[in-house]
Amino acid sequence: MPLNKSTGNMYEFITHTWNTIKGECPHGCSYCYMKRWGKQHSLHLDEKEFKTDLGKENFIFVGSSCDMFADDIPYKWIKRTLDYCNEYSGNNYLLQTKNPDRFSSFFNELKSHFCICTTLETNRIYKSIMNNSPSPQDRALTLSWVHSIKKYITIEPIMDFDLPEFVELIKVCNPVQVNIGADSSPKHNKLPEPSKEKILELIAELGNFTKVVQKKNLKRLLK
């Protein structure tokens, strides 16, 4: 099978995506972009994906369509996916999850060509939006304990936040880069969004200790 070229703009360095675990994400975030395609199939491991030639010198986002580290995902599915990545050690791989606590079960598989990321949309808890996801505080605390691997933070879709608390939450994670993006479907999701002034303050504060990348869709909130 051919490898899927990245067509999104979440990360400028990602060249391809690869998804072995498919179906409806257990976290159930109300804004999930996968919802635009209607009801998803039940969770399953797609065996044909293990015939994919991952090539070399690629930067692959593994698990871009479903959070493969959610609690409901079987351990053996994740391990098989990571082991397959390690067979193609000439690539770099991004693993992103809202449940970074599960990374601790796979440190033996996370070689130097992996980097990890968690989503922190805000420091606040919007239960009806985040549904089954761990709280932002839990995500950040867990990521802060990891020191042997490159870490990223994604603030997308950004939601209203408390500036000092949010900055500190991100800082303890010690990320090499923070990506900030807005809700791509504002009319459908109706998320609580911060003001232009708060976003600019956040960008300035984060720039004191890490690289900040603004996604194109953030322009809507900065007009």
Protein backbone atom coordinates (compact mmCIF):
# COMPACT_ATOMS: atom_id res chain seq x y z
CA MET A 1 0.00 0.00 0.00
CA PRO A 2 1.21 3.54 -0.70
CA LEU A 3 1.84 5.91 2.19
CA ASN A 4 -0.67 8.79 2.52
CA LYS A 5 0.82 12.19 1.81
CA SER A 6 -0.05 14.83 4.38
CA THR A 7 -2.65 17.23 3.01
CA GLY A 8 -3.38 19.16 6.22
CA ASN A 9 -1.45 22.03 7.76
CA MET A 10 -1.29 20.94 11.40
CA TYR A 11 2.51 20.61 11.26
CA GLU A 12 4.75 22.08 8.59
CA PHE A 13 7.26 19.26 8.97
CA ILE A 14 4.87 16.31 8.55
CA THR A 15 5.17 14.64 5.14
CA HIS A 16 2.78 11.70 5.53
CA THR A 17 0.10 10.18 7.77
CA TRP A 18 -0.40 6.53 8.65
CA ASN A 19 -3.35 5.07 10.52
CA THR A 20 -3.50 1.44 11.62
CA ILE A 21 -6.21 1.94 14.25
CA LYS A 22 -9.47 3.18 12.80
CA GLY A 23 -12.99 3.88 13.93
CA GLU A 24 -14.70 6.26 16.33
CA CYS A 25 -12.25 7.83 18.78
CA PRO A 26 -13.13 6.93 22.40
CA HIS A 27 -12.49 10.49 23.59
CA GLY A 28 -15.52 11.82 21.73
CA CYS A 29 -14.48 15.50 21.58
CA SER A 30 -17.37 17.53 20.21
CA TYR A 31 -15.19 19.41 17.72
CA CYS A 32 -13.38 16.38 16.23
CA TYR A 33 -12.83 16.93 12.51
CA MET A 34 -13.64 13.27 11.82
CA LYS A 35 -17.29 13.98 12.69
CA ARG A 36 -17.73 15.83 9.41
CA TRP A 37 -17.80 12.43 7.66
CA GLY A 38 -20.68 11.20 9.79
CA LYS A 39 -20.80 8.28 12.18
CA GLN A 40 -17.56 6.31 12.34
CA HIS A 41 -17.14 2.55 12.31
CA SER A 42 -16.34 0.72 15.53
CA LEU A 43 -12.70 0.60 16.59
CA HIS A 44 -10.59 -1.91 14.71
CA LEU A 45 -7.05 -2.67 13.63
CA ASP A 46 -6.73 -2.33 9.86
CA GLU A 47 -4.56 -5.29 8.87
CA LYS A 48 -3.92 -4.06 5.34
CA GLU A 49 -2.03 -1.04 6.71
CA PHE A 50 0.78 -3.38 7.75
CA LYS A 51 1.54 -3.91 4.08
CA THR A 52 2.44 -0.22 3.73
CA ASP A 53 5.98 0.67 2.73
CA LEU A 54 6.82 3.48 5.15
CA GLY A 55 9.92 4.31 3.14
CA LYS A 56 12.71 6.45 4.56
CA GLU A 57 13.47 10.10 5.25
CA ASN A 58 9.79 10.78 5.88
CA PHE A 59 8.18 12.48 8.90
CA ILE A 60 5.04 10.47 9.57
CA PHE A 61 2.10 11.41 11.80
CA VAL A 62 1.04 8.04 13.18
CA GLY A 63 -2.59 7.86 14.31
CA SER A 64 -3.83 11.14 12.87
CA SER A 65 -7.47 10.04 12.53
CA CYS A 66 -8.02 8.35 15.91
CA ASP A 67 -6.24 8.74 19.24
CA MET A 68 -4.36 5.44 19.32
CA PHE A 69 -3.37 5.91 22.98
CA ALA A 70 -6.90 6.23 24.34
CA ASP A 71 -7.62 3.85 27.22
CA ASP A 72 -9.96 1.71 25.13
CA ILE A 73 -7.32 0.88 22.51
CA PRO A 74 -5.82 -2.60 23.10
CA TYR A 75 -2.17 -2.63 24.11
CA LYS A 76 -1.25 -5.15 21.41
CA TRP A 77 -2.61 -2.88 18.65
CA ILE A 78 -0.41 0.00 19.77
CA LYS A 79 2.68 -2.16 20.23
CA ARG A 80 2.30 -3.73 16.81
CA THR A 81 2.02 -0.29 15.24
CA LEU A 82 5.12 1.03 17.01
CA ASP A 83 7.10 -2.12 16.22
CA TYR A 84 6.26 -1.70 12.54
CA CYS A 85 7.49 1.90 12.67
CA ASN A 86 10.75 0.69 14.19
CA GLU A 87 11.26 -1.58 11.19
CA TYR A 88 11.53 1.64 9.17
CA SER A 89 14.01 3.44 11.38
CA GLY A 90 15.05 5.82 8.59
CA ASN A 91 11.94 7.92 9.25
CA ASN A 92 10.82 10.25 12.01
CA TYR A 93 7.44 9.72 13.66
CA LEU A 94 4.99 11.97 15.52
CA LEU A 95 2.66 10.45 18.12
CA GLN A 96 -0.10 12.73 19.40
CA THR A 97 -2.59 11.93 22.14
CA LYS A 98 -4.85 13.43 24.78
CA ASN A 99 -3.92 10.52 27.01
CA PRO A 100 -0.11 10.80 27.33
CA ASP A 101 -0.22 8.67 30.49
CA ARG A 102 -0.17 5.60 28.21
CA PHE A 103 3.21 6.55 26.77
CA SER A 104 4.76 5.07 29.91
CA SER A 105 3.74 1.57 28.76
CA PHE A 106 5.72 1.90 25.53
CA PHE A 107 9.02 3.55 26.41
CA ASN A 108 10.93 0.48 25.18
CA GLU A 109 9.37 0.96 21.73
CA LEU A 110 9.83 4.75 21.59
CA LYS A 111 13.22 4.98 19.92
CA SER A 112 15.01 8.22 19.04
CA HIS A 113 13.08 8.66 15.79
CA PHE A 114 9.83 9.23 17.71
CA CYS A 115 8.56 12.52 19.11
CA ILE A 116 5.42 12.93 21.21
CA CYS A 117 2.71 15.54 21.48
CA THR A 118 -0.39 16.31 23.47
CA THR A 119 -3.25 18.67 22.78
CA LEU A 120 -3.92 21.46 25.28
CA GLU A 121 -6.80 23.51 23.92
CA THR A 122 -7.04 25.51 27.15
CA ASN A 123 -6.27 25.21 30.84
CA ARG A 124 -9.98 25.08 31.61
CA ILE A 125 -12.20 22.00 31.68
CA TYR A 126 -15.09 22.18 29.24
CA LYS A 127 -16.63 18.81 29.99
CA SER A 128 -19.37 18.91 27.36
CA ILE A 129 -16.72 19.61 24.71
CA MET A 130 -13.88 17.36 25.89
CA ASN A 131 -16.19 14.51 26.91
CA ASN A 132 -14.01 11.46 27.75
CA SER A 133 -10.62 13.16 27.39
CA PRO A 134 -8.33 13.52 30.41
CA SER A 135 -8.22 17.05 31.79
CA PRO A 136 -5.62 19.48 30.41
CA GLN A 137 -3.95 19.45 33.82
CA ASP A 138 -3.56 15.67 33.75
CA ARG A 139 -2.20 15.74 30.20
CA ALA A 140 0.39 18.40 31.03
CA LEU A 141 1.47 16.79 34.29
CA THR A 142 2.07 13.46 32.60
CA LEU A 143 4.02 15.01 29.73
CA SER A 144 6.16 16.97 32.18
CA TRP A 145 7.52 13.70 33.58
CA VAL A 146 8.93 12.67 30.19
CA HIS A 147 12.48 13.88 29.63
CA SER A 148 14.11 11.52 27.14
CA ILE A 149 12.12 12.36 24.01
CA LYS A 150 11.28 15.48 21.98
CA LYS A 151 7.90 16.97 22.93
CA TYR A 152 5.37 19.19 21.16
CA ILE A 153 2.16 20.90 22.28
CA THR A 154 -0.82 21.61 20.05
CA ILE A 155 -3.31 24.30 21.05
CA GLU A 156 -6.03 23.50 18.56
CA PRO A 157 -8.78 24.38 18.54
CA ILE A 158 -7.85 27.13 20.97
CA MET A 159 -10.54 27.84 23.56
CA ASP A 160 -10.84 30.59 26.15
CA PHE A 161 -8.22 30.28 28.87
CA ASP A 162 -6.66 31.88 31.95
CA LEU A 163 -3.35 33.33 30.79
CA PRO A 164 -0.96 32.75 33.74
CA GLU A 165 -2.30 29.26 34.43
CA PHE A 166 -2.25 28.24 30.77
CA VAL A 167 1.30 29.48 30.21
CA GLU A 168 2.53 27.59 33.26
CA LEU A 169 0.71 24.44 32.16
CA ILE A 170 2.54 24.53 28.83
CA LYS A 171 5.89 25.55 30.29
CA VAL A 172 6.13 22.53 32.60
CA CYS A 173 5.90 20.28 29.54
CA ASN A 174 9.12 21.80 28.14
CA PRO A 175 8.00 21.56 24.48
CA VAL A 176 10.33 22.28 21.58
CA GLN A 177 7.40 23.78 19.68
CA VAL A 178 3.83 24.91 20.30
CA ASN A 179 1.34 25.00 17.44
CA ILE A 180 -1.71 27.25 17.78
CA GLY A 181 -4.80 26.91 15.63
CA ALA A 182 -8.49 27.83 15.71
CA ASP A 183 -11.64 25.83 15.18
CA SER A 184 -11.92 25.18 11.45
CA SER A 185 -15.72 24.85 11.64
CA PRO A 186 -16.77 27.71 13.98
CA LYS A 187 -20.40 27.72 12.83
CA HIS A 188 -20.86 24.07 13.67
CA ASN A 189 -18.89 23.70 16.90
CA LYS A 190 -19.58 27.07 18.59
CA LEU A 191 -16.61 26.80 20.94
CA PRO A 192 -15.80 29.41 23.63
CA GLU A 193 -12.97 31.28 21.94
CA PRO A 194 -10.53 33.81 23.41
CA SER A 195 -10.19 37.40 22.26
CA LYS A 196 -7.52 38.58 19.86
CA GLU A 197 -5.77 40.38 22.71
CA LYS A 198 -5.56 37.26 24.88
CA ILE A 199 -4.19 35.18 22.00
CA LEU A 200 -1.49 37.75 21.25
CA GLU A 201 -0.53 37.83 24.94
CA LEU A 202 -0.30 34.05 24.96
CA ILE A 203 1.91 34.00 21.87
CA ALA A 204 4.23 36.58 23.42
CA GLU A 205 4.51 34.67 26.70
CA LEU A 206 5.16 31.32 25.01
CA GLY A 207 7.79 32.89 22.78
CA ASN A 208 9.91 33.49 25.88
CA PHE A 209 10.68 29.78 26.21
CA THR A 210 9.71 27.89 23.04
CA LYS A 211 9.05 28.14 19.31
CA VAL A 212 5.49 29.17 18.47
CA VAL A 213 3.88 28.33 15.13
CA GLN A 214 0.59 29.94 14.15
CA LYS A 215 -1.66 27.92 11.89
CA LYS A 216 -3.39 29.66 9.01
CA ASN A 217 -6.81 29.15 10.56
CA LEU A 218 -5.78 31.27 13.57
CA LYS A 219 -6.04 34.39 11.39
CA ARG A 220 -9.82 34.32 11.83
CA LEU A 221 -9.40 35.15 15.53
CA LEU A 222 -6.65 37.72 15.00
CA LYS A 223 -8.55 40.05 12.69
